[in-house]
């Protein structure tokens, strides 16, 4: 049997390396530092534990459990599009 994922509108923020993200709950983004490869790297508190985020990646959420997660800058435009409520 096949299933289709339910559409749940979420917020998304493209991360520019800043230690604070306007509109993102405090405590989600932490441990921001300069990356050895240029730009910045941080950690996002997710249901699966901390996830690395790099400059240009996206923070997405909240999901059905109130969680947030990271989507890479190359995957985000392939899997998300703007949502217009009616």
PDB file of N, CA and C in Angstrom:
ATOM      1  N   UNK A   1       0.846  -1.174   0.000  1.00  0.00           N
ATOM      2  CA  UNK A   1       0.000   0.000   0.000  1.00  0.00           C
ATOM      3  C   UNK A   1       0.891   1.237   0.000  1.00  0.00           C
ATOM      4  N   UNK A   2       0.505   2.230  -0.768  1.00  0.00           N
ATOM      5  CA  UNK A   2       1.251   3.488  -0.829  1.00  0.00           C
ATOM      6  C   UNK A   2       0.537   4.554  -0.014  1.00  0.00           C
ATOM      7  N   UNK A   3       1.325   5.484   0.499  1.00  0.00           N
ATOM      8  CA  UNK A   3       0.795   6.606   1.272  1.00  0.00           C
ATOM      9  C   UNK A   3       1.377   7.905   0.737  1.00  0.00           C
ATOM     10  N   UNK A   4       0.647   8.978   0.937  1.00  0.00           N
ATOM     11  CA  UNK A   4       1.116  10.312   0.598  1.00  0.00           C
ATOM     12  C   UNK A   4       1.261  11.087   1.892  1.00  0.00           C
ATOM     13  N   UNK A   5       2.373  11.758   2.050  1.00  0.00           N
ATOM     14  CA  UNK A   5       2.625  12.547   3.248  1.00  0.00           C
ATOM     15  C   UNK A   5       1.627  13.697   3.336  1.00  0.00           C
ATOM     16  N   UNK A   6       1.070  13.893   4.530  1.00  0.00           N
ATOM     17  CA  UNK A   6       0.131  14.993   4.748  1.00  0.00           C
ATOM     18  C   UNK A   6       0.843  16.324   4.567  1.00  0.00           C
ATOM     19  N   UNK A   7       0.145  17.271   3.987  1.00  0.00           N
ATOM     20  CA  UNK A   7       0.713  18.602   3.820  1.00  0.00           C
ATOM     21  C   UNK A   7       0.488  19.403   5.092  1.00  0.00           C
ATOM     22  N   UNK A   8       1.574  19.800   5.707  1.00  0.00           N
ATOM     23  CA  UNK A   8       1.515  20.599   6.925  1.00  0.00           C
ATOM     24  C   UNK A   8       2.352  21.849   6.693  1.00  0.00           C
ATOM     25  N   UNK A   9       1.729  23.024   6.661  1.00  0.00           N
ATOM     26  CA  UNK A   9       2.516  24.243   6.465  1.00  0.00           C
ATOM     27  C   UNK A   9       3.505  24.426   7.622  1.00  0.00           C
ATOM     28  N   UNK A  10       4.726  24.806   7.283  1.00  0.00           N
ATOM     29  CA  UNK A  10       5.761  25.064   8.274  1.00  0.00           C
ATOM     30  C   UNK A  10       6.426  26.397   7.951  1.00  0.00           C
ATOM     31  N   UNK A  11       7.128  26.937   8.915  1.00  0.00           N
ATOM     32  CA  UNK A  11       7.945  28.123   8.702  1.00  0.00           C
ATOM     33  C   UNK A  11       9.331  27.679   8.274  1.00  0.00           C
ATOM     34  N   UNK A  12      10.041  28.550   7.582  1.00  0.00           N
ATOM     35  CA  UNK A  12      11.415  28.237   7.184  1.00  0.00           C
ATOM     36  C   UNK A  12      12.246  29.517   7.195  1.00  0.00           C
ATOM     37  N   UNK A  13      13.480  29.359   7.677  1.00  0.00           N
ATOM     38  CA  UNK A  13      14.411  30.467   7.751  1.00  0.00           C
ATOM     39  C   UNK A  13      15.707  30.048   7.079  1.00  0.00           C
ATOM     40  N   UNK A  14      16.183  30.830   6.089  1.00  0.00           N
ATOM     41  CA  UNK A  14      17.491  30.554   5.514  1.00  0.00           C
ATOM     42  C   UNK A  14      18.525  31.112   6.482  1.00  0.00           C
ATOM     43  N   UNK A  15      19.443  30.264   6.929  1.00  0.00           N
ATOM     44  CA  UNK A  15      20.378  30.667   7.969  1.00  0.00           C
ATOM     45  C   UNK A  15      21.584  31.368   7.372  1.00  0.00           C
ATOM     46  N   UNK A  16      21.872  32.577   7.877  1.00  0.00           N
ATOM     47  CA  UNK A  16      22.987  33.371   7.377  1.00  0.00           C
ATOM     48  C   UNK A  16      24.206  33.325   8.296  1.00  0.00           C
ATOM     49  N   UNK A  17      24.182  32.461   9.297  1.00  0.00           N
ATOM     50  CA  UNK A  17      25.305  32.345  10.211  1.00  0.00           C
ATOM     51  C   UNK A  17      25.136  33.129  11.493  1.00  0.00           C
ATOM     52  N   UNK A  18      24.047  33.893  11.596  1.00  0.00           N
ATOM     53  CA  UNK A  18      23.816  34.709  12.796  1.00  0.00           C
ATOM     54  C   UNK A  18      23.462  33.817  13.983  1.00  0.00           C
ATOM     55  N   UNK A  19      23.878  34.204  15.197  1.00  0.00           N
ATOM     56  CA  UNK A  19      23.563  33.396  16.378  1.00  0.00           C
ATOM     57  C   UNK A  19      22.100  33.474  16.792  1.00  0.00           C
ATOM     58  N   UNK A  20      21.380  34.496  16.326  1.00  0.00           N
ATOM     59  CA  UNK A  20      19.951  34.629  16.613  1.00  0.00           C
ATOM     60  C   UNK A  20      19.182  34.720  15.302  1.00  0.00           C
ATOM     61  N   UNK A  21      18.032  34.052  15.235  1.00  0.00           N
ATOM     62  CA  UNK A  21      17.184  34.066  14.047  1.00  0.00           C
ATOM     63  C   UNK A  21      15.826  34.616  14.451  1.00  0.00           C
ATOM     64  N   UNK A  22      15.437  35.734  13.860  1.00  0.00           N
ATOM     65  CA  UNK A  22      14.166  36.380  14.163  1.00  0.00           C
ATOM     66  C   UNK A  22      13.002  35.419  13.946  1.00  0.00           C
ATOM     67  N   UNK A  23      12.186  35.193  14.966  1.00  0.00           N
ATOM     68  CA  UNK A  23      11.006  34.345  14.869  1.00  0.00           C
ATOM     69  C   UNK A  23      11.234  32.891  15.262  1.00  0.00           C
ATOM     70  N   UNK A  24      12.492  32.483  15.413  1.00  0.00           N
ATOM     71  CA  UNK A  24      12.810  31.107  15.821  1.00  0.00           C
ATOM     72  C   UNK A  24      12.837  31.040  17.344  1.00  0.00           C
ATOM     73  N   UNK A  25      12.141  30.066  17.956  1.00  0.00           N
ATOM     74  CA  UNK A  25      12.154  29.964  19.412  1.00  0.00           C
ATOM     75  C   UNK A  25      13.579  29.834  19.960  1.00  0.00           C
ATOM     76  N   UNK A  26      13.819  30.440  21.112  1.00  0.00           N
ATOM     77  CA  UNK A  26      15.154  30.362  21.708  1.00  0.00           C
ATOM     78  C   UNK A  26      15.470  28.920  22.092  1.00  0.00           C
ATOM     79  N   UNK A  27      16.739  28.579  22.026  1.00  0.00           N
ATOM     80  CA  UNK A  27      17.193  27.244  22.378  1.00  0.00           C
ATOM     81  C   UNK A  27      17.217  26.267  21.221  1.00  0.00           C
ATOM     82  N   UNK A  28      16.599  26.599  20.093  1.00  0.00           N
ATOM     83  CA  UNK A  28      16.611  25.699  18.932  1.00  0.00           C
ATOM     84  C   UNK A  28      17.982  25.739  18.251  1.00  0.00           C
ATOM     85  N   UNK A  29      18.511  26.942  18.026  1.00  0.00           N
ATOM     86  CA  UNK A  29      19.827  27.114  17.399  1.00  0.00           C
ATOM     87  C   UNK A  29      20.849  27.383  18.496  1.00  0.00           C
ATOM     88  N   UNK A  30      21.928  26.606  18.508  1.00  0.00           N
ATOM     89  CA  UNK A  30      22.970  26.837  19.516  1.00  0.00           C
ATOM     90  C   UNK A  30      24.339  26.418  18.983  1.00  0.00           C
ATOM     91  N   UNK A  31      25.360  26.701  19.722  1.00  0.00           N
ATOM     92  CA  UNK A  31      26.746  26.328  19.393  1.00  0.00           C
ATOM     93  C   UNK A  31      27.197  26.875  18.044  1.00  0.00           C
ATOM     94  N   UNK A  32      26.928  28.130  17.765  1.00  0.00           N
ATOM     95  CA  UNK A  32      27.342  28.745  16.506  1.00  0.00           C
ATOM     96  C   UNK A  32      28.820  29.107  16.576  1.00  0.00           C
ATOM     97  N   UNK A  33      29.562  28.722  15.521  1.00  0.00           N
ATOM     98  CA  UNK A  33      30.983  29.056  15.446  1.00  0.00           C
ATOM     99  C   UNK A  33      31.393  29.169  13.978  1.00  0.00           C
ATOM    100  N   UNK A  34      32.572  29.745  13.758  1.00  0.00           N
ATOM    101  CA  UNK A  34      33.092  29.808  12.394  1.00  0.00           C
ATOM    102  C   UNK A  34      33.470  28.412  11.932  1.00  0.00           C
ATOM    103  N   UNK A  35      33.160  28.113  10.696  1.00  0.00           N
ATOM    104  CA  UNK A  35      33.488  26.810  10.112  1.00  0.00           C
ATOM    105  C   UNK A  35      34.940  26.802   9.633  1.00  0.00           C
ATOM    106  N   UNK A  36      35.564  25.656   9.641  1.00  0.00           N
ATOM    107  CA  UNK A  36      36.916  25.510   9.103  1.00  0.00           C
ATOM    108  C   UNK A  36      36.933  25.683   7.588  1.00  0.00           C
ATOM    109  N   UNK A  37      35.771  25.613   6.951  1.00  0.00           N
ATOM    110  CA  UNK A  37      35.668  25.675   5.496  1.00  0.00           C
ATOM    111  C   UNK A  37      35.059  26.990   5.008  1.00  0.00           C
ATOM    112  N   UNK A  38      34.965  27.976   5.885  1.00  0.00           N
ATOM    113  CA  UNK A  38      34.358  29.258   5.552  1.00  0.00           C
ATOM    114  C   UNK A  38      32.907  29.283   5.982  1.00  0.00           C
ATOM    115  N   UNK A  39      32.402  30.449   6.283  1.00  0.00           N
ATOM    116  CA  UNK A  39      31.036  30.569   6.770  1.00  0.00           C
ATOM    117  C   UNK A  39      30.935  30.142   8.222  1.00  0.00           C
ATOM    118  N   UNK A  40      29.765  29.679   8.607  1.00  0.00           N
ATOM    119  CA  UNK A  40      29.519  29.304   9.992  1.00  0.00           C
ATOM    120  C   UNK A  40      28.877  27.927  10.067  1.00  0.00           C
ATOM    121  N   UNK A  41      28.993  27.307  11.224  1.00  0.00           N
ATOM    122  CA  UNK A  41      28.328  26.048  11.514  1.00  0.00           C
ATOM    123  C   UNK A  41      27.665  26.200  12.878  1.00  0.00           C
ATOM    124  N   UNK A  42      26.479  25.639  13.004  1.00  0.00           N
ATOM    125  CA  UNK A  42      25.754  25.676  14.271  1.00  0.00           C
ATOM    126  C   UNK A  42      25.087  24.339  14.505  1.00  0.00           C
ATOM    127  N   UNK A  43      24.358  24.267  15.571  1.00  0.00           N
ATOM    128  CA  UNK A  43      23.610  23.050  15.911  1.00  0.00           C
ATOM    129  C   UNK A  43      22.147  23.431  16.115  1.00  0.00           C
ATOM    130  N   UNK A  44      21.257  22.559  15.638  1.00  0.00           N
ATOM    131  CA  UNK A  44      19.820  22.708  15.823  1.00  0.00           C
ATOM    132  C   UNK A  44      19.363  21.566  16.710  1.00  0.00           C
ATOM    133  N   UNK A  45      18.614  21.881  17.758  1.00  0.00           N
ATOM    134  CA  UNK A  45      18.032  20.849  18.618  1.00  0.00           C
ATOM    135  C   UNK A  45      16.829  20.259  17.893  1.00  0.00           C
ATOM    136  N   UNK A  46      16.902  18.960  17.551  1.00  0.00           N
ATOM    137  CA  UNK A  46      15.805  18.286  16.857  1.00  0.00           C
ATOM    138  C   UNK A  46      15.357  17.074  17.660  1.00  0.00           C
ATOM    139  N   UNK A  47      14.291  16.409  17.221  1.00  0.00           N
ATOM    140  CA  UNK A  47      13.810  15.215  17.907  1.00  0.00           C
ATOM    141  C   UNK A  47      14.849  14.094  17.895  1.00  0.00           C
ATOM    142  N   UNK A  48      15.682  14.060  16.864  1.00  0.00           N
ATOM    143  CA  UNK A  48      16.701  13.016  16.737  1.00  0.00           C
ATOM    144  C   UNK A  48      18.018  13.404  17.394  1.00  0.00           C
ATOM    145  N   UNK A  49      18.060  14.543  18.050  1.00  0.00           N
ATOM    146  CA  UNK A  49      19.302  15.050  18.631  1.00  0.00           C
ATOM    147  C   UNK A  49      19.783  16.250  17.855  1.00  0.00           C
ATOM    148  N   UNK A  50      20.977  16.713  18.168  1.00  0.00           N
ATOM    149  CA  UNK A  50      21.515  17.889  17.494  1.00  0.00           C
ATOM    150  C   UNK A  50      21.841  17.594  16.037  1.00  0.00           C
ATOM    151  N   UNK A  51      21.497  18.553  15.174  1.00  0.00           N
ATOM    152  CA  UNK A  51      21.805  18.471  13.751  1.00  0.00           C
ATOM    153  C   UNK A  51      22.717  19.640  13.403  1.00  0.00           C
ATOM    154  N   UNK A  52      23.736  19.398  12.576  1.00  0.00           N
ATOM    155  CA  UNK A  52      24.593  20.483  12.102  1.00  0.00           C
ATOM    156  C   UNK A  52      23.839  21.321  11.081  1.00  0.00           C
ATOM    157  N   UNK A  53      24.090  22.621  11.115  1.00  0.00           N
ATOM    158  CA  UNK A  53      23.565  23.531  10.093  1.00  0.00           C
ATOM    159  C   UNK A  53      24.722  24.398   9.632  1.00  0.00           C
ATOM    160  N   UNK A  54      24.785  24.626   8.323  1.00  0.00           N
ATOM    161  CA  UNK A  54      25.845  25.431   7.733  1.00  0.00           C
ATOM    162  C   UNK A  54      25.220  26.658   7.077  1.00  0.00           C
ATOM    163  N   UNK A  55      26.018  27.695   6.906  1.00  0.00           N
ATOM    164  CA  UNK A  55      25.549  28.930   6.281  1.00  0.00           C
ATOM    165  C   UNK A  55      24.827  28.602   4.973  1.00  0.00           C
ATOM    166  N   UNK A  56      23.613  29.136   4.805  1.00  0.00           N
ATOM    167  CA  UNK A  56      22.819  28.911   3.598  1.00  0.00           C
ATOM    168  C   UNK A  56      21.805  27.793   3.719  1.00  0.00           C
ATOM    169  N   UNK A  57      21.967  26.919   4.727  1.00  0.00           N
ATOM    170  CA  UNK A  57      20.971  25.871   4.964  1.00  0.00           C
ATOM    171  C   UNK A  57      19.711  26.491   5.554  1.00  0.00           C
ATOM    172  N   UNK A  58      18.658  25.711   5.634  1.00  0.00           N
ATOM    173  CA  UNK A  58      17.364  26.192   6.111  1.00  0.00           C
ATOM    174  C   UNK A  58      16.964  25.516   7.416  1.00  0.00           C
ATOM    175  N   UNK A  59      16.367  26.296   8.305  1.00  0.00           N
ATOM    176  CA  UNK A  59      15.747  25.780   9.529  1.00  0.00           C
ATOM    177  C   UNK A  59      14.262  25.706   9.237  1.00  0.00           C
ATOM    178  N   UNK A  60      13.650  24.540   9.454  1.00  0.00           N
ATOM    179  CA  UNK A  60      12.245  24.328   9.114  1.00  0.00           C
ATOM    180  C   UNK A  60      11.487  23.830  10.338  1.00  0.00           C
ATOM    181  N   UNK A  61      10.243  24.296  10.494  1.00  0.00           N
ATOM    182  CA  UNK A  61       9.398  23.821  11.584  1.00  0.00           C
ATOM    183  C   UNK A  61       8.375  24.870  11.965  1.00  0.00           C
ATOM    184  N   UNK A  62       7.592  24.659  12.926  1.00  0.00           N
ATOM    185  CA  UNK A  62       7.510  23.436  13.717  1.00  0.00           C
ATOM    186  C   UNK A  62       6.718  22.351  12.987  1.00  0.00           C
ATOM    187  N   UNK A  63       7.113  21.098  13.250  1.00  0.00           N
ATOM    188  CA  UNK A  63       6.412  19.939  12.701  1.00  0.00           C
ATOM    189  C   UNK A  63       5.275  19.529  13.614  1.00  0.00           C
ATOM    190  N   UNK A  64       4.737  18.346  13.404  1.00  0.00           N
ATOM    191  CA  UNK A  64       3.570  17.873  14.155  1.00  0.00           C
ATOM    192  C   UNK A  64       3.860  17.675  15.637  1.00  0.00           C
ATOM    193  N   UNK A  65       5.128  17.503  16.015  1.00  0.00           N
ATOM    194  CA  UNK A  65       5.510  17.361  17.424  1.00  0.00           C
ATOM    195  C   UNK A  65       6.153  18.631  17.962  1.00  0.00           C
ATOM    196  N   UNK A  66       6.066  19.722  17.194  1.00  0.00           N
ATOM    197  CA  UNK A  66       6.686  20.977  17.607  1.00  0.00           C
ATOM    198  C   UNK A  66       8.178  21.030  17.316  1.00  0.00           C
ATOM    199  N   UNK A  67       8.665  20.089  16.535  1.00  0.00           N
ATOM    200  CA  UNK A  67      10.092  19.975  16.269  1.00  0.00           C
ATOM    201  C   UNK A  67      10.552  20.889  15.139  1.00  0.00           C
ATOM    202  N   UNK A  68      11.849  21.122  15.103  1.00  0.00           N
ATOM    203  CA  UNK A  68      12.519  21.869  14.039  1.00  0.00           C
ATOM    204  C   UNK A  68      13.610  20.985  13.471  1.00  0.00           C
ATOM    205  N   UNK A  69      13.979  21.208  12.211  1.00  0.00           N
ATOM    206  CA  UNK A  69      15.009  20.400  11.583  1.00  0.00           C
ATOM    207  C   UNK A  69      15.739  21.224  10.539  1.00  0.00           C
ATOM    208  N   UNK A  70      16.837  20.688  10.039  1.00  0.00           N
ATOM    209  CA  UNK A  70      17.678  21.353   9.046  1.00  0.00           C
ATOM    210  C   UNK A  70      17.430  20.728   7.677  1.00  0.00           C
ATOM    211  N   UNK A  71      17.332  21.580   6.661  1.00  0.00           N
ATOM    212  CA  UNK A  71      17.260  21.126   5.272  1.00  0.00           C
ATOM    213  C   UNK A  71      18.399  21.833   4.525  1.00  0.00           C
ATOM    214  N   UNK A  72      19.217  21.073   3.839  1.00  0.00           N
ATOM    215  CA  UNK A  72      20.371  21.668   3.148  1.00  0.00           C
ATOM    216  C   UNK A  72      19.909  22.641   2.064  1.00  0.00           C
ATOM    217  N   UNK A  73      20.778  23.579   1.761  1.00  0.00           N
ATOM    218  CA  UNK A  73      20.444  24.613   0.773  1.00  0.00           C
ATOM    219  C   UNK A  73      20.211  24.043  -0.622  1.00  0.00           C
ATOM    220  N   UNK A  74      20.755  22.870  -0.918  1.00  0.00           N
ATOM    221  CA  UNK A  74      20.528  22.266  -2.240  1.00  0.00           C
ATOM    222  C   UNK A  74      19.222  21.485  -2.294  1.00  0.00           C
ATOM    223  N   UNK A  75      18.773  20.943  -1.175  1.00  0.00           N
ATOM    224  CA  UNK A  75      17.540  20.153  -1.126  1.00  0.00           C
ATOM    225  C   UNK A  75      16.305  21.024  -0.921  1.00  0.00           C
ATOM    226  N   UNK A  76      16.435  22.115  -0.168  1.00  0.00           N
ATOM    227  CA  UNK A  76      15.271  22.933   0.175  1.00  0.00           C
ATOM    228  C   UNK A  76      14.437  23.349  -1.041  1.00  0.00           C
ATOM    229  N   UNK A  77      15.018  23.954  -2.085  1.00  0.00           N
ATOM    230  CA  UNK A  77      14.184  24.380  -3.216  1.00  0.00           C
ATOM    231  C   UNK A  77      13.567  23.231  -4.010  1.00  0.00           C
ATOM    232  N   UNK A  78      14.090  22.019  -3.842  1.00  0.00           N
ATOM    233  CA  UNK A  78      13.545  20.858  -4.540  1.00  0.00           C
ATOM    234  C   UNK A  78      12.358  20.249  -3.796  1.00  0.00           C
ATOM    235  N   UNK A  79      12.225  20.551  -2.496  1.00  0.00           N
ATOM    236  CA  UNK A  79      11.196  19.885  -1.681  1.00  0.00           C
ATOM    237  C   UNK A  79      10.201  20.838  -1.032  1.00  0.00           C
ATOM    238  N   UNK A  80      10.472  22.124  -1.034  1.00  0.00           N
ATOM    239  CA  UNK A  80       9.560  23.094  -0.411  1.00  0.00           C
ATOM    240  C   UNK A  80       9.221  24.196  -1.406  1.00  0.00           C
ATOM    241  N   UNK A  81       8.000  24.690  -1.290  1.00  0.00           N
ATOM    242  CA  UNK A  81       7.573  25.833  -2.086  1.00  0.00           C
ATOM    243  C   UNK A  81       6.730  26.734  -1.204  1.00  0.00           C
ATOM    244  N   UNK A  82       6.601  28.011  -1.566  1.00  0.00           N
ATOM    245  CA  UNK A  82       5.800  28.919  -0.737  1.00  0.00           C
ATOM    246  C   UNK A  82       4.362  28.420  -0.569  1.00  0.00           C
ATOM    247  N   UNK A  83       3.804  28.642   0.593  1.00  0.00           N
ATOM    248  CA  UNK A  83       2.448  28.222   0.909  1.00  0.00           C
ATOM    249  C   UNK A  83       1.551  29.450   0.975  1.00  0.00           C
ATOM    250  N   UNK A  84       0.431  29.377   0.283  1.00  0.00           N
ATOM    251  CA  UNK A  84      -0.537  30.469   0.318  1.00  0.00           C
ATOM    252  C   UNK A  84      -1.830  29.918   0.910  1.00  0.00           C
ATOM    253  N   UNK A  85      -2.204  30.429   2.077  1.00  0.00           N
ATOM    254  CA  UNK A  85      -3.453  29.980   2.686  1.00  0.00           C
ATOM    255  C   UNK A  85      -4.628  30.673   2.003  1.00  0.00           C
ATOM    256  N   UNK A  86      -5.744  30.001   2.008  1.00  0.00           N
ATOM    257  CA  UNK A  86      -6.949  30.559   1.356  1.00  0.00           C
ATOM    258  C   UNK A  86      -7.750  31.370   2.335  1.00  0.00           C
TER     259      UNK A  86
END
